Amino acid sequence: MTRHLTLSALAVLFLFPLVWSGWASLEDPSDYLEMARFGEGLGTYATNSVLVSAMTVAGTLVVSALGGYAFARFDFPGKNLLFLATLAILMVPYATILIPLYVLLGFIGLQNSLVGLSLVFVMFQLPFALFMMRNAFEAIPRELEEAALVDGCGTFRAFSRILLHAVRPALVTVGLFAFLASWNDFFAPLILLNDGSSFTLPVAVVSMTQRTFGAIDYGMLQAGVMVMAVPCLVLFIVLQRHYVRGFMSGALRG
């Protein structure tokens, strides 16, 4: 009984701000119409966010799956040092390297580019993603892979046909974290993008809500928050079973 009461209280505590935001955003439906007509149009900003999130998730999954498999299954010189160097990215303050990254993207022709922004997001997701995937692969018995090799599978085929299916919960967890980070991030797009037609939703929403002398249109802000929150809620509800299994089935072991 006590546990149920505690969980119910926590549910109310976490759901109340979301419900309040939804109710506040509907007080003046014209805010949604004004938001849809702002600048390049809501569709353009939403498309940019979808593209950035899709490229970030795809890049993070590919690199972390291959890297996690390599760290878990192969021994090579400097393996532990390289893994620690990757984790060391977490110790670098996020905002301090955005300007150097902006200059670097200019050298390779990806300045003010959604692809360049996605690469930056992938870089910052790699420490967590590699840690998750390495431990997920380490939790799989080596006998499963050895049996596949005996049956005639090559290393890559065993990896793609068998091991990836075994670590699917961890892949979902990594992909969901990568999506949330890229979908909701404001600071990196603000610094790395300078063309209004390339802005993502968080930057566009902040631009929409700013008024004269620093005043904020809170109705518009609440409408923008709901537009950004709905995809995250839908994804979490659909993938929550895999997401929880990603943490509970040994993905964070060790």
C-alpha atoms as a PDB file:
ATOM      1  CA  MET A   1       0.000   0.000   0.000  1.00  0.00           C
ATOM      2  CA  THR A   2       2.774   2.410   0.961  1.00  0.00           C
ATOM      3  CA  ARG A   3       4.657   1.637  -2.238  1.00  0.00           C
ATOM      4  CA  HIS A   4       1.583   2.330  -4.357  1.00  0.00           C
ATOM      5  CA  LEU A   5       1.010   5.641  -2.611  1.00  0.00           C
ATOM      6  CA  THR A   6       4.646   6.621  -3.103  1.00  0.00           C
ATOM      7  CA  LEU A   7       4.580   5.708  -6.787  1.00  0.00           C
ATOM      8  CA  SER A   8       1.294   7.556  -7.286  1.00  0.00           C
ATOM      9  CA  ALA A   9       2.724  10.655  -5.621  1.00  0.00           C
ATOM     10  CA  LEU A  10       5.826  10.492  -7.826  1.00  0.00           C
ATOM     11  CA  ALA A  11       3.654  10.062 -10.936  1.00  0.00           C
ATOM     12  CA  VAL A  12       1.629  13.149 -10.033  1.00  0.00           C
ATOM     13  CA  LEU A  13       4.810  15.078  -9.283  1.00  0.00           C
ATOM     14  CA  PHE A  14       6.316  14.309 -12.701  1.00  0.00           C
ATOM     15  CA  LEU A  15       3.109  14.504 -14.757  1.00  0.00           C
ATOM     16  CA  PHE A  16       1.751  17.748 -13.304  1.00  0.00           C
ATOM     17  CA  PRO A  17       4.184  20.097 -15.140  1.00  0.00           C
ATOM     18  CA  LEU A  18       3.441  18.333 -18.433  1.00  0.00           C
ATOM     19  CA  VAL A  19      -0.328  18.475 -17.931  1.00  0.00           C
ATOM     20  CA  TRP A  20      -0.114  22.109 -16.885  1.00  0.00           C
ATOM     21  CA  SER A  21       1.941  22.972 -19.979  1.00  0.00           C
ATOM     22  CA  GLY A  22      -0.578  21.213 -22.207  1.00  0.00           C
ATOM     23  CA  TRP A  23      -3.490  23.050 -20.602  1.00  0.00           C
ATOM     24  CA  ALA A  24      -1.692  26.414 -20.786  1.00  0.00           C
ATOM     25  CA  SER A  25      -0.824  25.884 -24.456  1.00  0.00           C
ATOM     26  CA  LEU A  26      -4.518  25.420 -25.324  1.00  0.00           C
ATOM     27  CA  GLU A  27      -5.739  28.585 -23.629  1.00  0.00           C
ATOM     28  CA  ASP A  28      -5.182  30.521 -26.858  1.00  0.00           C
ATOM     29  CA  PRO A  29      -5.254  28.210 -29.915  1.00  0.00           C
ATOM     30  CA  SER A  30      -4.168  31.116 -32.119  1.00  0.00           C
ATOM     31  CA  ASP A  31      -0.649  30.640 -30.719  1.00  0.00           C
ATOM     32  CA  TYR A  32      -0.330  27.468 -32.795  1.00  0.00           C
ATOM     33  CA  LEU A  33      -1.419  29.273 -35.958  1.00  0.00           C
ATOM     34  CA  GLU A  34       1.037  32.102 -35.312  1.00  0.00           C
ATOM     35  CA  MET A  35       3.788  29.584 -34.622  1.00  0.00           C
ATOM     36  CA  ALA A  36       3.036  27.722 -37.865  1.00  0.00           C
ATOM     37  CA  ARG A  37       3.447  30.946 -39.866  1.00  0.00           C
ATOM     38  CA  PHE A  38       6.605  32.164 -38.116  1.00  0.00           C
ATOM     39  CA  GLY A  39       9.735  32.666 -40.225  1.00  0.00           C
ATOM     40  CA  GLU A  40      10.344  29.787 -42.614  1.00  0.00           C
ATOM     41  CA  GLY A  41       7.306  27.932 -41.274  1.00  0.00           C
ATOM     42  CA  LEU A  42       6.945  25.339 -38.532  1.00  0.00           C
ATOM     43  CA  GLY A  43       7.227  22.528 -41.088  1.00  0.00           C
ATOM     44  CA  THR A  44      10.714  23.644 -42.095  1.00  0.00           C
ATOM     45  CA  TYR A  45      11.976  23.757 -38.508  1.00  0.00           C
ATOM     46  CA  ALA A  46      10.349  20.414 -37.656  1.00  0.00           C
ATOM     47  CA  THR A  47      11.888  18.826 -40.760  1.00  0.00           C
ATOM     48  CA  ASN A  48      15.324  20.134 -39.773  1.00  0.00           C
ATOM     49  CA  SER A  49      14.938  18.664 -36.300  1.00  0.00           C
ATOM     50  CA  VAL A  50      13.799  15.314 -37.701  1.00  0.00           C
ATOM     51  CA  LEU A  51      16.752  15.186 -40.115  1.00  0.00           C
ATOM     52  CA  VAL A  52      19.289  16.093 -37.426  1.00  0.00           C
ATOM     53  CA  SER A  53      17.813  13.576 -34.979  1.00  0.00           C
ATOM     54  CA  ALA A  54      17.690  10.806 -37.599  1.00  0.00           C
ATOM     55  CA  MET A  55      21.321  11.369 -38.643  1.00  0.00           C
ATOM     56  CA  THR A  56      22.433  11.552 -35.004  1.00  0.00           C
ATOM     57  CA  VAL A  57      20.636   8.336 -34.055  1.00  0.00           C
ATOM     58  CA  ALA A  58      21.922   6.481 -37.141  1.00  0.00           C
ATOM     59  CA  GLY A  59      25.506   7.679 -36.675  1.00  0.00           C
ATOM     60  CA  THR A  60      25.506   6.954 -32.945  1.00  0.00           C
ATOM     61  CA  LEU A  61      24.093   3.442 -33.400  1.00  0.00           C
ATOM     62  CA  VAL A  62      26.517   2.493 -36.165  1.00  0.00           C
ATOM     63  CA  VAL A  63      29.653   3.779 -34.441  1.00  0.00           C
ATOM     64  CA  SER A  64      28.718   2.586 -30.943  1.00  0.00           C
ATOM     65  CA  ALA A  65      27.645  -0.886 -32.119  1.00  0.00           C
ATOM     66  CA  LEU A  66      30.859  -1.468 -34.080  1.00  0.00           C
ATOM     67  CA  GLY A  67      33.038   0.161 -31.425  1.00  0.00           C
ATOM     68  CA  GLY A  68      31.300  -1.590 -28.533  1.00  0.00           C
ATOM     69  CA  TYR A  69      31.711  -4.946 -30.258  1.00  0.00           C
ATOM     70  CA  ALA A  70      35.395  -4.296 -30.889  1.00  0.00           C
ATOM     71  CA  PHE A  71      36.041  -3.240 -27.272  1.00  0.00           C
ATOM     72  CA  ALA A  72      34.122  -6.246 -25.922  1.00  0.00           C
ATOM     73  CA  ARG A  73      35.470  -8.995 -28.177  1.00  0.00           C
ATOM     74  CA  PHE A  74      38.930  -8.057 -29.473  1.00  0.00           C
ATOM     75  CA  ASP A  75      42.259  -7.423 -27.769  1.00  0.00           C
ATOM     76  CA  PHE A  76      44.523  -4.853 -29.390  1.00  0.00           C
ATOM     77  CA  PRO A  77      47.308  -2.510 -28.220  1.00  0.00           C
ATOM     78  CA  GLY A  78      46.005   0.549 -26.399  1.00  0.00           C
ATOM     79  CA  LYS A  79      42.479  -0.854 -26.073  1.00  0.00           C
ATOM     80  CA  ASN A  80      41.863   0.330 -22.515  1.00  0.00           C
ATOM     81  CA  LEU A  81      43.599   3.654 -23.102  1.00  0.00           C
ATOM     82  CA  LEU A  82      41.463   4.333 -26.165  1.00  0.00           C
ATOM     83  CA  PHE A  83      38.293   3.465 -24.270  1.00  0.00           C
ATOM     84  CA  LEU A  84      39.265   5.774 -21.403  1.00  0.00           C
ATOM     85  CA  ALA A  85      40.084   8.537 -23.885  1.00  0.00           C
ATOM     86  CA  THR A  86      36.596   8.175 -25.341  1.00  0.00           C
ATOM     87  CA  LEU A  87      35.017   8.374 -21.884  1.00  0.00           C
ATOM     88  CA  ALA A  88      37.161  11.451 -21.181  1.00  0.00           C
ATOM     89  CA  ILE A  89      34.960  13.409 -23.599  1.00  0.00           C
ATOM     90  CA  LEU A  90      32.447  13.507 -20.730  1.00  0.00           C
ATOM     91  CA  MET A  91      34.884  15.647 -18.729  1.00  0.00           C
ATOM     92  CA  VAL A  92      35.082  18.352 -21.389  1.00  0.00           C
ATOM     93  CA  PRO A  93      32.598  21.183 -20.738  1.00  0.00           C
ATOM     94  CA  TYR A  94      30.111  21.071 -23.578  1.00  0.00           C
ATOM     95  CA  ALA A  95      29.996  24.779 -24.316  1.00  0.00           C
ATOM     96  CA  THR A  96      33.750  25.391 -24.281  1.00  0.00           C
ATOM     97  CA  ILE A  97      34.515  23.523 -27.514  1.00  0.00           C
ATOM     98  CA  LEU A  98      31.577  24.626 -29.669  1.00  0.00           C
ATOM     99  CA  ILE A  99      33.497  27.593 -31.106  1.00  0.00           C
ATOM    100  CA  PRO A 100      36.540  25.440 -32.035  1.00  0.00           C
ATOM    101  CA  LEU A 101      34.128  22.911 -33.536  1.00  0.00           C
ATOM    102  CA  TYR A 102      32.482  25.710 -35.528  1.00  0.00           C
ATOM    103  CA  VAL A 103      35.863  26.660 -36.975  1.00  0.00           C
ATOM    104  CA  LEU A 104      36.721  22.999 -37.671  1.00  0.00           C
ATOM    105  CA  LEU A 105      33.414  22.465 -39.488  1.00  0.00           C
ATOM    106  CA  GLY A 106      34.279  25.480 -41.631  1.00  0.00           C
ATOM    107  CA  PHE A 107      37.564  23.841 -42.695  1.00  0.00           C
ATOM    108  CA  ILE A 108      35.773  20.689 -43.871  1.00  0.00           C
ATOM    109  CA  GLY A 109      32.910  22.542 -45.547  1.00  0.00           C
ATOM    110  CA  LEU A 110      30.190  21.603 -43.042  1.00  0.00           C
ATOM    111  CA  GLN A 111      29.675  24.977 -41.377  1.00  0.00           C
ATOM    112  CA  ASN A 112      26.006  25.957 -41.065  1.00  0.00           C
ATOM    113  CA  SER A 113      25.127  22.391 -42.059  1.00  0.00           C
ATOM    114  CA  LEU A 114      22.678  19.917 -40.542  1.00  0.00           C
ATOM    115  CA  VAL A 115      25.179  17.155 -41.295  1.00  0.00           C
ATOM    116  CA  GLY A 116      27.913  19.000 -39.376  1.00  0.00           C
ATOM    117  CA  LEU A 117      25.557  19.575 -36.436  1.00  0.00           C
ATOM    118  CA  SER A 118      24.681  15.864 -36.435  1.00  0.00           C
ATOM    119  CA  LEU A 119      28.373  14.903 -36.346  1.00  0.00           C
ATOM    120  CA  VAL A 120      28.846  17.104 -33.278  1.00  0.00           C
ATOM    121  CA  PHE A 121      25.901  15.432 -31.558  1.00  0.00           C
ATOM    122  CA  VAL A 122      27.266  11.981 -32.425  1.00  0.00           C
ATOM    123  CA  MET A 123      30.627  12.901 -30.899  1.00  0.00           C
ATOM    124  CA  PHE A 124      29.040  13.928 -27.608  1.00  0.00           C
ATOM    125  CA  GLN A 125      26.865  10.792 -27.517  1.00  0.00           C
ATOM    126  CA  LEU A 126      29.751   8.380 -28.072  1.00  0.00           C
ATOM    127  CA  PRO A 127      31.029   8.037 -24.464  1.00  0.00           C
ATOM    128  CA  PHE A 128      27.678   6.900 -23.078  1.00  0.00           C
ATOM    129  CA  ALA A 129      26.800   4.902 -26.208  1.00  0.00           C
ATOM    130  CA  LEU A 130      30.133   3.037 -26.337  1.00  0.00           C
ATOM    131  CA  PHE A 131      29.947   2.277 -22.626  1.00  0.00           C
ATOM    132  CA  MET A 132      26.442   0.853 -23.026  1.00  0.00           C
ATOM    133  CA  MET A 133      27.236  -1.209 -26.096  1.00  0.00           C
ATOM    134  CA  ARG A 134      30.536  -2.586 -24.802  1.00  0.00           C
ATOM    135  CA  ASN A 135      28.868  -3.866 -21.641  1.00  0.00           C
ATOM    136  CA  ALA A 136      25.904  -5.185 -23.626  1.00  0.00           C
ATOM    137  CA  PHE A 137      28.186  -7.275 -25.846  1.00  0.00           C
ATOM    138  CA  GLU A 138      30.221  -8.432 -22.844  1.00  0.00           C
ATOM    139  CA  ALA A 139      26.993  -9.741 -21.268  1.00  0.00           C
ATOM    140  CA  ILE A 140      26.424 -12.087 -24.237  1.00  0.00           C
ATOM    141  CA  PRO A 141      28.035 -15.533 -23.775  1.00  0.00           C
ATOM    142  CA  ARG A 142      30.923 -16.051 -26.155  1.00  0.00           C
ATOM    143  CA  GLU A 143      29.556 -19.529 -26.843  1.00  0.00           C
ATOM    144  CA  LEU A 144      26.706 -17.977 -28.837  1.00  0.00           C
ATOM    145  CA  GLU A 145      29.140 -16.294 -31.204  1.00  0.00           C
ATOM    146  CA  GLU A 146      31.422 -19.341 -31.360  1.00  0.00           C
ATOM    147  CA  ALA A 147      28.469 -21.552 -32.316  1.00  0.00           C
ATOM    148  CA  ALA A 148      27.637 -19.195 -35.178  1.00  0.00           C
ATOM    149  CA  LEU A 149      31.245 -19.278 -36.381  1.00  0.00           C
ATOM    150  CA  VAL A 150      31.268 -23.078 -36.265  1.00  0.00           C
ATOM    151  CA  ASP A 151      28.079 -23.116 -38.371  1.00  0.00           C
ATOM    152  CA  GLY A 152      29.865 -21.172 -41.087  1.00  0.00           C
ATOM    153  CA  CYS A 153      29.071 -17.544 -40.252  1.00  0.00           C
ATOM    154  CA  GLY A 154      31.869 -15.058 -40.678  1.00  0.00           C
ATOM    155  CA  THR A 155      32.658 -12.559 -37.942  1.00  0.00           C
ATOM    156  CA  PHE A 156      30.651  -9.733 -39.519  1.00  0.00           C
ATOM    157  CA  ARG A 157      27.724 -12.004 -40.358  1.00  0.00           C
ATOM    158  CA  ALA A 158      27.599 -13.329 -36.792  1.00  0.00           C
ATOM    159  CA  PHE A 159      27.723  -9.746 -35.564  1.00  0.00           C
ATOM    160  CA  SER A 160      24.950  -8.486 -37.833  1.00  0.00           C
ATOM    161  CA  ARG A 161      22.657 -11.533 -37.814  1.00  0.00           C
ATOM    162  CA  ILE A 162      22.944 -12.744 -34.223  1.00  0.00           C
ATOM    163  CA  LEU A 163      24.695 -10.392 -31.805  1.00  0.00           C
ATOM    164  CA  LEU A 164      22.846  -7.250 -32.855  1.00  0.00           C
ATOM    165  CA  HIS A 165      19.534  -8.991 -32.171  1.00  0.00           C
ATOM    166  CA  ALA A 166      20.803 -10.048 -28.758  1.00  0.00           C
ATOM    167  CA  VAL A 167      21.674  -6.458 -27.780  1.00  0.00           C
ATOM    168  CA  ARG A 168      18.539  -4.876 -29.258  1.00  0.00           C
ATOM    169  CA  PRO A 169      17.372  -3.414 -25.887  1.00  0.00           C
ATOM    170  CA  ALA A 170      20.725  -1.634 -25.510  1.00  0.00           C
ATOM    171  CA  LEU A 171      20.465  -0.339 -29.092  1.00  0.00           C
ATOM    172  CA  VAL A 172      17.011   1.066 -28.343  1.00  0.00           C
ATOM    173  CA  THR A 173      18.306   2.740 -25.184  1.00  0.00           C
ATOM    174  CA  VAL A 174      21.268   4.301 -26.994  1.00  0.00           C
ATOM    175  CA  GLY A 175      19.078   5.414 -29.896  1.00  0.00           C
ATOM    176  CA  LEU A 176      16.479   6.955 -27.593  1.00  0.00           C
ATOM    177  CA  PHE A 177      19.108   8.898 -25.664  1.00  0.00           C
ATOM    178  CA  ALA A 178      20.653  10.113 -28.930  1.00  0.00           C
ATOM    179  CA  PHE A 179      17.244  11.218 -30.199  1.00  0.00           C
ATOM    180  CA  LEU A 180      16.352  13.103 -27.023  1.00  0.00           C
ATOM    181  CA  ALA A 181      19.738  14.845 -26.914  1.00  0.00           C
ATOM    182  CA  SER A 182      19.620  16.006 -30.543  1.00  0.00           C
ATOM    183  CA  TRP A 183      15.891  16.827 -30.613  1.00  0.00           C
ATOM    184  CA  ASN A 184      15.940  19.018 -27.501  1.00  0.00           C
ATOM    185  CA  ASP A 185      19.375  20.642 -27.724  1.00  0.00           C
ATOM    186  CA  PHE A 186      19.333  24.427 -28.062  1.00  0.00           C
ATOM    187  CA  PHE A 187      22.872  25.660 -27.553  1.00  0.00           C
ATOM    188  CA  ALA A 188      24.719  23.703 -30.272  1.00  0.00           C
ATOM    189  CA  PRO A 189      22.281  24.630 -33.097  1.00  0.00           C
ATOM    190  CA  LEU A 190      22.344  28.239 -31.907  1.00  0.00           C
ATOM    191  CA  ILE A 191      26.134  28.382 -32.267  1.00  0.00           C
ATOM    192  CA  LEU A 192      26.696  26.110 -35.269  1.00  0.00           C
ATOM    193  CA  LEU A 193      23.798  27.262 -37.484  1.00  0.00           C
ATOM    194  CA  ASN A 194      23.481  30.831 -38.754  1.00  0.00           C
ATOM    195  CA  ASP A 195      20.860  30.477 -41.475  1.00  0.00           C
ATOM    196  CA  GLY A 196      17.234  30.803 -40.340  1.00  0.00           C
ATOM    197  CA  SER A 197      16.110  28.154 -42.803  1.00  0.00           C
ATOM    198  CA  SER A 198      18.427  25.638 -41.089  1.00  0.00           C
ATOM    199  CA  PHE A 199      17.259  26.261 -37.517  1.00  0.00           C
ATOM    200  CA  THR A 200      15.923  23.359 -35.471  1.00  0.00           C
ATOM    201  CA  LEU A 201      12.762  23.547 -33.365  1.00  0.00           C
ATOM    202  CA  PRO A 202      14.355  24.635 -30.035  1.00  0.00           C
ATOM    203  CA  VAL A 203      16.107  27.615 -31.661  1.00  0.00           C
ATOM    204  CA  ALA A 204      12.987  28.515 -33.656  1.00  0.00           C
ATOM    205  CA  VAL A 205      10.730  28.340 -30.587  1.00  0.00           C
ATOM    206  CA  VAL A 206      12.992  30.663 -28.602  1.00  0.00           C
ATOM    207  CA  SER A 207      13.022  33.103 -31.544  1.00  0.00           C
ATOM    208  CA  MET A 208       9.221  32.951 -31.743  1.00  0.00           C
ATOM    209  CA  THR A 209       8.710  33.760 -28.071  1.00  0.00           C
ATOM    210  CA  GLN A 210      11.038  36.763 -27.827  1.00  0.00           C
ATOM    211  CA  ARG A 211       9.380  40.153 -27.799  1.00  0.00           C
ATOM    212  CA  THR A 212      10.463  43.775 -27.346  1.00  0.00           C
ATOM    213  CA  PHE A 213      12.760  44.605 -24.405  1.00  0.00           C
ATOM    214  CA  GLY A 214      13.249  40.936 -23.518  1.00  0.00           C
ATOM    215  CA  ALA A 215       9.565  40.194 -22.930  1.00  0.00           C
ATOM    216  CA  ILE A 216       8.500  36.577 -23.479  1.00  0.00           C
ATOM    217  CA  ASP A 217       5.285  35.347 -25.060  1.00  0.00           C
ATOM    218  CA  TYR A 218       4.522  32.550 -22.603  1.00  0.00           C
ATOM    219  CA  GLY A 219       1.516  31.287 -24.560  1.00  0.00           C
ATOM    220  CA  MET A 220       3.680  30.787 -27.627  1.00  0.00           C
ATOM    221  CA  LEU A 221       6.390  29.237 -25.452  1.00  0.00           C
ATOM    222  CA  GLN A 222       3.987  26.663 -24.013  1.00  0.00           C
ATOM    223  CA  ALA A 223       2.717  25.806 -27.492  1.00  0.00           C
ATOM    224  CA  GLY A 224       6.283  25.290 -28.696  1.00  0.00           C
ATOM    225  CA  VAL A 225       7.128  23.139 -25.674  1.00  0.00           C
ATOM    226  CA  MET A 226       4.172  20.858 -26.423  1.00  0.00           C
ATOM    227  CA  VAL A 227       5.122  20.545 -30.102  1.00  0.00           C
ATOM    228  CA  MET A 228       8.618  19.431 -29.061  1.00  0.00           C
ATOM    229  CA  ALA A 229       7.435  17.199 -26.211  1.00  0.00           C
ATOM    230  CA  VAL A 230       4.837  15.104 -28.063  1.00  0.00           C
ATOM    231  CA  PRO A 231       7.313  13.130 -30.264  1.00  0.00           C
ATOM    232  CA  CYS A 232       9.474  12.378 -27.201  1.00  0.00           C
ATOM    233  CA  LEU A 233       6.463  11.095 -25.246  1.00  0.00           C
ATOM    234  CA  VAL A 234       5.243   8.951 -28.127  1.00  0.00           C
ATOM    235  CA  LEU A 235       8.687   7.391 -28.655  1.00  0.00           C
ATOM    236  CA  PHE A 236       9.141   6.680 -24.963  1.00  0.00           C
ATOM    237  CA  ILE A 237       5.696   5.057 -24.650  1.00  0.00           C
ATOM    238  CA  VAL A 238       6.274   2.886 -27.721  1.00  0.00           C
ATOM    239  CA  LEU A 239       9.820   1.858 -26.784  1.00  0.00           C
ATOM    240  CA  GLN A 240       9.610   1.809 -22.984  1.00  0.00           C
ATOM    241  CA  ARG A 241       9.692  -2.002 -22.754  1.00  0.00           C
ATOM    242  CA  HIS A 242      12.956  -2.182 -24.722  1.00  0.00           C
ATOM    243  CA  TYR A 243      14.296   0.902 -22.945  1.00  0.00           C
ATOM    244  CA  VAL A 244      13.832  -0.649 -19.503  1.00  0.00           C
ATOM    245  CA  ARG A 245      15.281  -3.967 -20.659  1.00  0.00           C
ATOM    246  CA  GLY A 246      18.319  -2.109 -21.961  1.00  0.00           C
ATOM    247  CA  PHE A 247      19.150  -1.079 -18.411  1.00  0.00           C
ATOM    248  CA  MET A 248      17.921  -4.216 -16.636  1.00  0.00           C
ATOM    249  CA  SER A 249      19.409  -6.963 -18.829  1.00  0.00           C
ATOM    250  CA  GLY A 250      23.066  -6.266 -18.088  1.00  0.00           C
ATOM    251  CA  ALA A 251      23.693  -3.332 -20.421  1.00  0.00           C
ATOM    252  CA  LEU A 252      25.150  -1.386 -17.514  1.00  0.00           C
ATOM    253  CA  ARG A 253      26.924  -4.356 -15.991  1.00  0.00           C
ATOM    254  CA  GLY A 254      30.510  -3.925 -14.906  1.00  0.00           C
END
